[in-house]
Amino acid sequence: MVQELTVDLRRAPHERWVLTPAQVEQARELLRQYKTDLGLSPDMGELLISLARKHIRDEYWAELESLAVTLALPLSDVALGNFYYDATKVVPGRALGCTTKPGQPTVVNRPAPPPTK
């Protein structure tokens, strides 16, 4: 079962993601699945993040860097996973990215409720 995860956007970027060992493994597996879905070569991933970097605010880039350290994964994997997630969560009429308000924590993943009968 996926554990609930709250990311507190009021914290400094390097303090936002506090993960249990189980959440680290779940995140690593999710990013592996995203990479498989994307089917990009490692060189392409590096190229895409180098091009995207100039369009991402320093605060958010620092958050991605911190998450990469926490997950013990290359920054390119974490950044591509974030881009992939954003691209699959597009809501008509809204920009890509997090829809929370600055300064408020957000629940990133909440376990599904039990099925109704």
N, C-alpha and C. Protein backbone atom coordinates (compact mmCIF):
# COMPACT_ATOMS: atom_id res chain seq x y z
N MET A 1 0.84 -1.18 0.00
CA MET A 1 0.00 0.00 0.00
C MET A 1 0.89 1.24 0.00
N VAL A 2 0.49 2.24 -0.74
CA VAL A 2 1.22 3.50 -0.80
C VAL A 2 0.88 4.33 0.43
N GLN A 3 1.91 4.82 1.10
CA GLN A 3 1.70 5.63 2.29
C GLN A 3 1.38 7.07 1.91
N GLU A 4 0.58 7.76 2.76
CA GLU A 4 0.31 9.17 2.55
C GLU A 4 1.60 9.95 2.72
N LEU A 5 1.77 10.96 1.90
CA LEU A 5 2.97 11.78 1.92
C LEU A 5 2.57 13.24 1.86
N THR A 6 3.03 14.02 2.82
CA THR A 6 2.77 15.45 2.83
C THR A 6 4.08 16.17 2.58
N VAL A 7 4.08 17.05 1.59
CA VAL A 7 5.24 17.88 1.28
C VAL A 7 4.90 19.28 1.75
N ASP A 8 5.68 19.79 2.70
CA ASP A 8 5.40 21.10 3.29
C ASP A 8 6.16 22.17 2.50
N LEU A 9 5.43 22.88 1.66
CA LEU A 9 6.04 23.91 0.80
C LEU A 9 6.49 25.14 1.57
N ARG A 10 6.16 25.20 2.87
CA ARG A 10 6.64 26.32 3.69
C ARG A 10 8.09 26.11 4.10
N ARG A 11 8.56 24.89 3.98
CA ARG A 11 9.94 24.57 4.36
C ARG A 11 10.91 24.93 3.23
N ALA A 12 12.18 25.01 3.60
CA ALA A 12 13.23 25.21 2.60
C ALA A 12 13.20 24.03 1.63
N PRO A 13 13.60 24.24 0.37
CA PRO A 13 13.53 23.17 -0.63
C PRO A 13 14.18 21.86 -0.19
N HIS A 14 15.30 21.93 0.50
CA HIS A 14 15.99 20.70 0.89
C HIS A 14 15.36 20.01 2.10
N GLU A 15 14.31 20.61 2.68
CA GLU A 15 13.63 20.04 3.85
C GLU A 15 12.20 19.60 3.55
N ARG A 16 11.75 19.75 2.33
CA ARG A 16 10.34 19.50 2.00
C ARG A 16 9.97 18.03 1.96
N TRP A 17 10.86 17.20 1.45
CA TRP A 17 10.56 15.79 1.27
C TRP A 17 11.18 14.98 2.39
N VAL A 18 10.36 14.52 3.32
CA VAL A 18 10.80 13.67 4.42
C VAL A 18 10.15 12.31 4.17
N LEU A 19 10.97 11.35 3.77
CA LEU A 19 10.45 10.06 3.34
C LEU A 19 10.88 8.93 4.26
N THR A 20 9.97 7.99 4.46
CA THR A 20 10.31 6.76 5.17
C THR A 20 11.08 5.86 4.19
N PRO A 21 11.78 4.85 4.68
CA PRO A 21 12.44 3.92 3.76
C PRO A 21 11.47 3.29 2.75
N ALA A 22 10.26 2.97 3.20
CA ALA A 22 9.27 2.40 2.28
C ALA A 22 8.89 3.40 1.19
N GLN A 23 8.74 4.67 1.55
CA GLN A 23 8.40 5.70 0.56
C GLN A 23 9.55 5.91 -0.43
N VAL A 24 10.77 5.81 0.05
CA VAL A 24 11.93 5.93 -0.86
C VAL A 24 11.87 4.82 -1.90
N GLU A 25 11.62 3.59 -1.47
CA GLU A 25 11.54 2.48 -2.41
C GLU A 25 10.37 2.64 -3.37
N GLN A 26 9.23 3.11 -2.87
CA GLN A 26 8.07 3.33 -3.74
C GLN A 26 8.38 4.40 -4.78
N ALA A 27 9.03 5.47 -4.36
CA ALA A 27 9.37 6.55 -5.29
C ALA A 27 10.37 6.07 -6.33
N ARG A 28 11.36 5.30 -5.91
CA ARG A 28 12.35 4.76 -6.85
C ARG A 28 11.67 3.87 -7.89
N GLU A 29 10.74 3.03 -7.44
CA GLU A 29 10.03 2.15 -8.37
C GLU A 29 9.16 2.97 -9.33
N LEU A 30 8.48 3.97 -8.82
CA LEU A 30 7.66 4.83 -9.68
C LEU A 30 8.51 5.51 -10.75
N LEU A 31 9.67 6.02 -10.35
CA LEU A 31 10.56 6.67 -11.33
C LEU A 31 11.09 5.66 -12.35
N ARG A 32 11.33 4.42 -11.93
CA ARG A 32 11.75 3.38 -12.90
C ARG A 32 10.64 3.17 -13.94
N GLN A 33 9.39 3.15 -13.46
CA GLN A 33 8.26 2.96 -14.39
C GLN A 33 8.14 4.14 -15.34
N TYR A 34 8.31 5.35 -14.82
CA TYR A 34 8.25 6.53 -15.68
C TYR A 34 9.34 6.47 -16.76
N LYS A 35 10.56 6.10 -16.37
CA LYS A 35 11.66 6.01 -17.34
C LYS A 35 11.34 4.97 -18.41
N THR A 36 10.75 3.86 -18.01
CA THR A 36 10.37 2.83 -18.98
C THR A 36 9.31 3.38 -19.93
N ASP A 37 8.31 4.07 -19.40
CA ASP A 37 7.26 4.66 -20.23
C ASP A 37 7.84 5.66 -21.23
N LEU A 38 8.78 6.47 -20.77
CA LEU A 38 9.38 7.49 -21.64
C LEU A 38 10.28 6.87 -22.70
N GLY A 39 10.98 5.81 -22.34
CA GLY A 39 11.86 5.13 -23.29
C GLY A 39 13.02 5.98 -23.79
N LEU A 40 13.48 6.91 -22.96
CA LEU A 40 14.58 7.79 -23.38
C LEU A 40 15.94 7.19 -23.05
N SER A 41 16.90 7.47 -23.91
CA SER A 41 18.27 7.08 -23.61
C SER A 41 18.80 7.99 -22.51
N PRO A 42 19.81 7.55 -21.76
CA PRO A 42 20.38 8.41 -20.71
C PRO A 42 20.86 9.76 -21.25
N ASP A 43 21.43 9.76 -22.45
CA ASP A 43 21.90 11.02 -23.04
C ASP A 43 20.73 11.97 -23.30
N MET A 44 19.61 11.45 -23.74
CA MET A 44 18.45 12.28 -24.02
C MET A 44 17.91 12.88 -22.72
N GLY A 45 17.89 12.10 -21.67
CA GLY A 45 17.44 12.62 -20.38
C GLY A 45 18.31 13.78 -19.91
N GLU A 46 19.62 13.63 -20.03
CA GLU A 46 20.54 14.70 -19.63
C GLU A 46 20.32 15.94 -20.50
N LEU A 47 20.11 15.75 -21.78
CA LEU A 47 19.88 16.89 -22.69
C LEU A 47 18.58 17.61 -22.32
N LEU A 48 17.52 16.86 -22.07
CA LEU A 48 16.24 17.49 -21.74
C LEU A 48 16.32 18.30 -20.45
N ILE A 49 16.98 17.77 -19.42
CA ILE A 49 17.03 18.55 -18.19
C ILE A 49 17.95 19.75 -18.33
N SER A 50 18.99 19.64 -19.15
CA SER A 50 19.85 20.81 -19.34
C SER A 50 19.09 21.93 -20.05
N LEU A 51 18.20 21.57 -20.97
CA LEU A 51 17.39 22.56 -21.67
C LEU A 51 16.29 23.12 -20.76
N ALA A 52 15.75 22.28 -19.92
CA ALA A 52 14.65 22.70 -19.04
C ALA A 52 15.15 23.56 -17.88
N ARG A 53 16.39 23.38 -17.48
CA ARG A 53 16.91 24.04 -16.27
C ARG A 53 16.70 25.55 -16.30
N LYS A 54 16.92 26.18 -17.41
CA LYS A 54 16.80 27.65 -17.47
C LYS A 54 15.36 28.13 -17.33
N HIS A 55 14.41 27.22 -17.40
CA HIS A 55 13.00 27.59 -17.30
C HIS A 55 12.40 27.26 -15.93
N ILE A 56 13.21 26.69 -15.04
CA ILE A 56 12.71 26.27 -13.73
C ILE A 56 13.35 27.15 -12.66
N ARG A 57 12.50 27.71 -11.80
CA ARG A 57 13.00 28.59 -10.74
C ARG A 57 13.98 27.84 -9.83
N ASP A 58 14.94 28.58 -9.31
CA ASP A 58 15.99 27.99 -8.47
C ASP A 58 15.41 27.21 -7.30
N GLU A 59 14.37 27.72 -6.68
CA GLU A 59 13.76 27.05 -5.53
C GLU A 59 13.28 25.65 -5.90
N TYR A 60 12.64 25.51 -7.05
CA TYR A 60 12.12 24.22 -7.46
C TYR A 60 13.25 23.30 -7.90
N TRP A 61 14.26 23.86 -8.54
CA TRP A 61 15.40 23.05 -8.95
C TRP A 61 16.12 22.50 -7.72
N ALA A 62 16.26 23.33 -6.68
CA ALA A 62 16.89 22.89 -5.43
C ALA A 62 16.08 21.76 -4.80
N GLU A 63 14.77 21.83 -4.91
CA GLU A 63 13.92 20.77 -4.38
C GLU A 63 14.17 19.46 -5.13
N LEU A 64 14.28 19.54 -6.46
CA LEU A 64 14.56 18.34 -7.26
C LEU A 64 15.94 17.77 -6.90
N GLU A 65 16.92 18.65 -6.72
CA GLU A 65 18.26 18.19 -6.35
C GLU A 65 18.24 17.47 -5.01
N SER A 66 17.52 18.03 -4.06
CA SER A 66 17.43 17.43 -2.73
C SER A 66 16.72 16.07 -2.80
N LEU A 67 15.68 15.99 -3.59
CA LEU A 67 14.96 14.73 -3.72
C LEU A 67 15.85 13.67 -4.38
N ALA A 68 16.65 14.07 -5.35
CA ALA A 68 17.58 13.14 -5.99
C ALA A 68 18.55 12.56 -4.96
N VAL A 69 19.04 13.40 -4.07
CA VAL A 69 19.95 12.94 -3.01
C VAL A 69 19.21 11.97 -2.09
N THR A 70 18.00 12.34 -1.67
CA THR A 70 17.21 11.49 -0.78
C THR A 70 16.95 10.12 -1.39
N LEU A 71 16.68 10.09 -2.69
CA LEU A 71 16.37 8.83 -3.37
C LEU A 71 17.62 8.10 -3.87
N ALA A 72 18.78 8.76 -3.76
CA ALA A 72 20.04 8.18 -4.27
C ALA A 72 19.91 7.84 -5.76
N LEU A 73 19.35 8.79 -6.51
CA LEU A 73 19.16 8.64 -7.95
C LEU A 73 19.77 9.84 -8.65
N PRO A 74 20.11 9.68 -9.93
CA PRO A 74 20.59 10.84 -10.69
C PRO A 74 19.53 11.93 -10.77
N LEU A 75 19.98 13.17 -10.75
CA LEU A 75 19.06 14.30 -10.88
C LEU A 75 18.23 14.18 -12.15
N SER A 76 18.82 13.69 -13.22
CA SER A 76 18.08 13.57 -14.48
C SER A 76 16.87 12.64 -14.31
N ASP A 77 17.01 11.56 -13.54
CA ASP A 77 15.88 10.64 -13.32
C ASP A 77 14.75 11.34 -12.56
N VAL A 78 15.12 12.08 -11.51
CA VAL A 78 14.12 12.75 -10.69
C VAL A 78 13.45 13.88 -11.48
N ALA A 79 14.23 14.66 -12.19
CA ALA A 79 13.66 15.76 -12.99
C ALA A 79 12.74 15.22 -14.08
N LEU A 80 13.18 14.19 -14.79
CA LEU A 80 12.32 13.61 -15.83
C LEU A 80 11.05 13.02 -15.24
N GLY A 81 11.17 12.40 -14.08
CA GLY A 81 9.97 11.88 -13.41
C GLY A 81 9.01 12.99 -13.05
N ASN A 82 9.55 14.11 -12.59
CA ASN A 82 8.71 15.26 -12.25
C ASN A 82 8.04 15.82 -13.50
N PHE A 83 8.79 15.95 -14.58
CA PHE A 83 8.22 16.46 -15.83
C PHE A 83 7.13 15.51 -16.33
N TYR A 84 7.41 14.22 -16.26
CA TYR A 84 6.45 13.21 -16.72
C TYR A 84 5.16 13.31 -15.90
N TYR A 85 5.32 13.38 -14.59
CA TYR A 85 4.15 13.50 -13.71
C TYR A 85 3.34 14.74 -14.07
N ASP A 86 4.02 15.88 -14.21
CA ASP A 86 3.32 17.12 -14.55
C ASP A 86 2.59 16.99 -15.88
N ALA A 87 3.24 16.39 -16.86
CA ALA A 87 2.64 16.28 -18.19
C ALA A 87 1.41 15.38 -18.20
N THR A 88 1.39 14.38 -17.31
CA THR A 88 0.23 13.48 -17.28
C THR A 88 -0.88 13.99 -16.39
N LYS A 89 -0.63 15.08 -15.68
CA LYS A 89 -1.63 15.65 -14.77
C LYS A 89 -2.14 17.00 -15.25
N VAL A 90 -2.02 17.25 -16.54
CA VAL A 90 -2.48 18.53 -17.09
C VAL A 90 -3.99 18.62 -16.94
N VAL A 91 -4.43 19.76 -16.43
CA VAL A 91 -5.85 20.04 -16.31
C VAL A 91 -6.15 21.12 -17.35
N PRO A 92 -7.17 20.93 -18.18
CA PRO A 92 -7.47 21.94 -19.20
C PRO A 92 -7.56 23.35 -18.60
N GLY A 93 -6.87 24.28 -19.23
CA GLY A 93 -6.92 25.66 -18.78
C GLY A 93 -5.92 26.00 -17.70
N ARG A 94 -5.10 25.06 -17.27
CA ARG A 94 -4.10 25.31 -16.23
C ARG A 94 -2.72 24.99 -16.76
N ALA A 95 -1.74 25.62 -16.17
CA ALA A 95 -0.36 25.34 -16.53
C ALA A 95 0.08 24.02 -15.91
N LEU A 96 1.21 23.51 -16.39
CA LEU A 96 1.79 22.32 -15.80
C LEU A 96 2.31 22.64 -14.42
N GLY A 97 2.38 21.65 -13.58
CA GLY A 97 3.06 21.81 -12.30
C GLY A 97 2.12 21.68 -11.13
N CYS A 98 2.68 21.98 -10.00
CA CYS A 98 1.98 21.86 -8.73
C CYS A 98 0.86 22.89 -8.66
N THR A 99 -0.29 22.49 -8.16
CA THR A 99 -1.43 23.40 -8.10
C THR A 99 -1.67 23.92 -6.70
N THR A 100 -0.72 23.70 -5.79
CA THR A 100 -0.91 24.20 -4.43
C THR A 100 -0.56 25.67 -4.37
N LYS A 101 -0.99 26.30 -3.31
CA LYS A 101 -0.68 27.70 -3.10
C LYS A 101 0.64 27.81 -2.34
N PRO A 102 1.51 28.76 -2.71
CA PRO A 102 2.77 28.91 -2.00
C PRO A 102 2.53 29.09 -0.50
N GLY A 103 3.40 28.46 0.28
CA GLY A 103 3.31 28.60 1.72
C GLY A 103 2.36 27.63 2.40
N GLN A 104 1.76 26.71 1.63
CA GLN A 104 0.85 25.74 2.22
C GLN A 104 1.38 24.33 1.93
N PRO A 105 1.25 23.43 2.92
CA PRO A 105 1.66 22.05 2.64
C PRO A 105 0.68 21.41 1.68
N THR A 106 1.12 20.41 0.99
CA THR A 106 0.26 19.70 0.07
C THR A 106 0.41 18.21 0.27
N VAL A 107 -0.67 17.47 0.18
CA VAL A 107 -0.62 16.02 0.24
C VAL A 107 -0.33 15.54 -1.16
N VAL A 108 0.81 14.88 -1.34
CA VAL A 108 1.22 14.42 -2.65
C VAL A 108 0.54 13.12 -3.01
N ASN A 109 0.42 12.24 -2.06
CA ASN A 109 -0.20 10.96 -2.35
C ASN A 109 -1.01 10.52 -1.14
N ARG A 110 -2.23 10.22 -1.38
CA ARG A 110 -3.11 9.76 -0.30
C ARG A 110 -3.60 8.37 -0.70
N PRO A 111 -3.48 7.39 0.20
CA PRO A 111 -3.97 6.05 -0.15
C PRO A 111 -5.44 6.09 -0.57
N ALA A 112 -5.77 5.24 -1.50
CA ALA A 112 -7.15 5.18 -1.98
C ALA A 112 -8.06 4.67 -0.86
N PRO A 113 -9.28 5.21 -0.79
CA PRO A 113 -10.22 4.72 0.23
C PRO A 113 -10.62 3.30 -0.08
N PRO A 114 -11.07 2.56 0.94
CA PRO A 114 -11.50 1.18 0.68
C PRO A 114 -12.68 1.16 -0.28
N PRO A 115 -12.79 0.11 -1.08
CA PRO A 115 -13.91 0.03 -2.04
C PRO A 115 -15.25 0.01 -1.33
N THR A 116 -16.24 0.62 -1.96
CA THR A 116 -17.60 0.60 -1.41
C THR A 116 -18.32 -0.63 -1.92
N LYS A 117 -19.26 -1.06 -1.14
CA LYS A 117 -20.03 -2.26 -1.52
C LYS A 117 -21.29 -1.91 -2.23
